[in-house]
């Protein structure tokens, strides 16, 4: 019985870790000053990448400061593609 409880506990723990969000920080460097904001689209599937922003799981806007732009997003574990405009 102890072993079954231990296995169940480990399974629940691993599931919780996998489902918990992680912060992804995206940084663009050597951005020209005065050129506006950097737009970022995060996709979880190939459909729509890179231009169909309505299919993105997250859309971000980053201000350009001293030649770089940075934004963060909370995502679940997985594979993502990122487009910068």
Protein backbone atom coordinates (compact mmCIF):
# COMPACT_ATOMS: atom_id res chain seq x y z
CA UNK A 1 0.00 0.00 0.00
CA UNK A 2 2.87 2.39 0.82
CA UNK A 3 4.43 1.79 -2.62
CA UNK A 4 1.13 2.55 -4.40
CA UNK A 5 0.76 5.80 -2.45
CA UNK A 6 4.35 6.75 -3.28
CA UNK A 7 3.85 6.05 -7.00
CA UNK A 8 0.58 8.00 -6.99
CA UNK A 9 2.27 10.93 -5.23
CA UNK A 10 5.11 10.97 -7.78
CA UNK A 11 2.61 10.85 -10.66
CA UNK A 12 0.60 13.76 -9.25
CA UNK A 13 3.79 15.74 -8.61
CA UNK A 14 5.10 15.17 -12.14
CA UNK A 15 1.73 16.09 -13.63
CA UNK A 16 1.62 19.31 -11.60
CA UNK A 17 5.14 20.22 -12.71
CA UNK A 18 4.32 19.57 -16.37
CA UNK A 19 1.11 21.62 -16.25
CA UNK A 20 2.58 24.53 -14.36
CA UNK A 21 3.39 27.63 -16.35
CA UNK A 22 6.89 28.71 -17.18
CA UNK A 23 8.02 32.20 -18.07
CA UNK A 24 9.53 32.63 -21.51
CA UNK A 25 11.45 35.88 -21.98
CA UNK A 26 12.06 37.03 -25.55
CA UNK A 27 14.71 39.66 -26.21
CA UNK A 28 15.45 41.32 -29.54
CA UNK A 29 18.76 43.18 -29.79
CA UNK A 30 20.19 45.68 -32.28
CA UNK A 31 16.77 47.22 -32.87
CA UNK A 32 16.89 50.66 -34.48
CA UNK A 33 15.79 53.43 -32.15
CA UNK A 34 12.71 55.34 -33.15
CA UNK A 35 11.45 52.51 -35.36
CA UNK A 36 8.45 51.72 -33.13
CA UNK A 37 7.63 48.68 -31.04
CA UNK A 38 8.58 45.06 -31.66
CA UNK A 39 5.56 42.81 -32.11
CA UNK A 40 5.90 39.19 -31.03
CA UNK A 41 3.64 36.28 -31.94
CA UNK A 42 4.01 32.92 -30.14
CA UNK A 43 2.62 29.86 -31.93
CA UNK A 44 2.08 26.37 -30.52
CA UNK A 45 1.44 24.75 -33.92
CA UNK A 46 2.69 25.22 -37.48
CA UNK A 47 -0.73 26.43 -38.67
CA UNK A 48 -0.56 30.17 -39.21
CA UNK A 49 3.15 30.59 -38.50
CA UNK A 50 4.57 33.18 -38.98
CA UNK A 51 1.99 35.67 -40.31
CA UNK A 52 -1.50 34.60 -39.16
CA UNK A 53 -1.44 36.29 -35.76
CA UNK A 54 -5.03 35.21 -35.06
CA UNK A 55 -3.68 31.65 -34.69
CA UNK A 56 -0.99 32.65 -32.18
CA UNK A 57 -1.35 31.54 -28.55
CA UNK A 58 0.10 34.86 -27.40
CA UNK A 59 0.66 38.29 -28.93
CA UNK A 60 3.08 40.69 -27.26
CA UNK A 61 4.27 44.25 -27.85
CA UNK A 62 7.71 45.27 -26.60
CA UNK A 63 9.00 48.83 -26.38
CA UNK A 64 12.41 49.53 -27.87
CA UNK A 65 14.82 50.86 -25.24
CA UNK A 66 18.51 51.45 -25.95
CA UNK A 67 18.44 49.23 -29.02
CA UNK A 68 16.70 46.23 -27.47
CA UNK A 69 13.17 45.09 -26.80
CA UNK A 70 12.08 42.49 -24.26
CA UNK A 71 8.80 40.81 -23.34
CA UNK A 72 7.78 37.85 -21.20
CA UNK A 73 4.90 35.40 -21.41
CA UNK A 74 3.68 32.52 -19.23
CA UNK A 75 3.42 29.26 -21.19
CA UNK A 76 2.81 25.63 -20.34
CA UNK A 77 5.55 23.16 -21.21
CA UNK A 78 5.73 22.43 -24.92
CA UNK A 79 7.25 23.42 -28.25
CA UNK A 80 6.66 26.90 -29.63
CA UNK A 81 7.61 29.00 -32.62
CA UNK A 82 8.16 32.74 -32.28
CA UNK A 83 7.77 35.42 -34.94
CA UNK A 84 9.05 38.99 -34.46
CA UNK A 85 7.80 41.94 -36.49
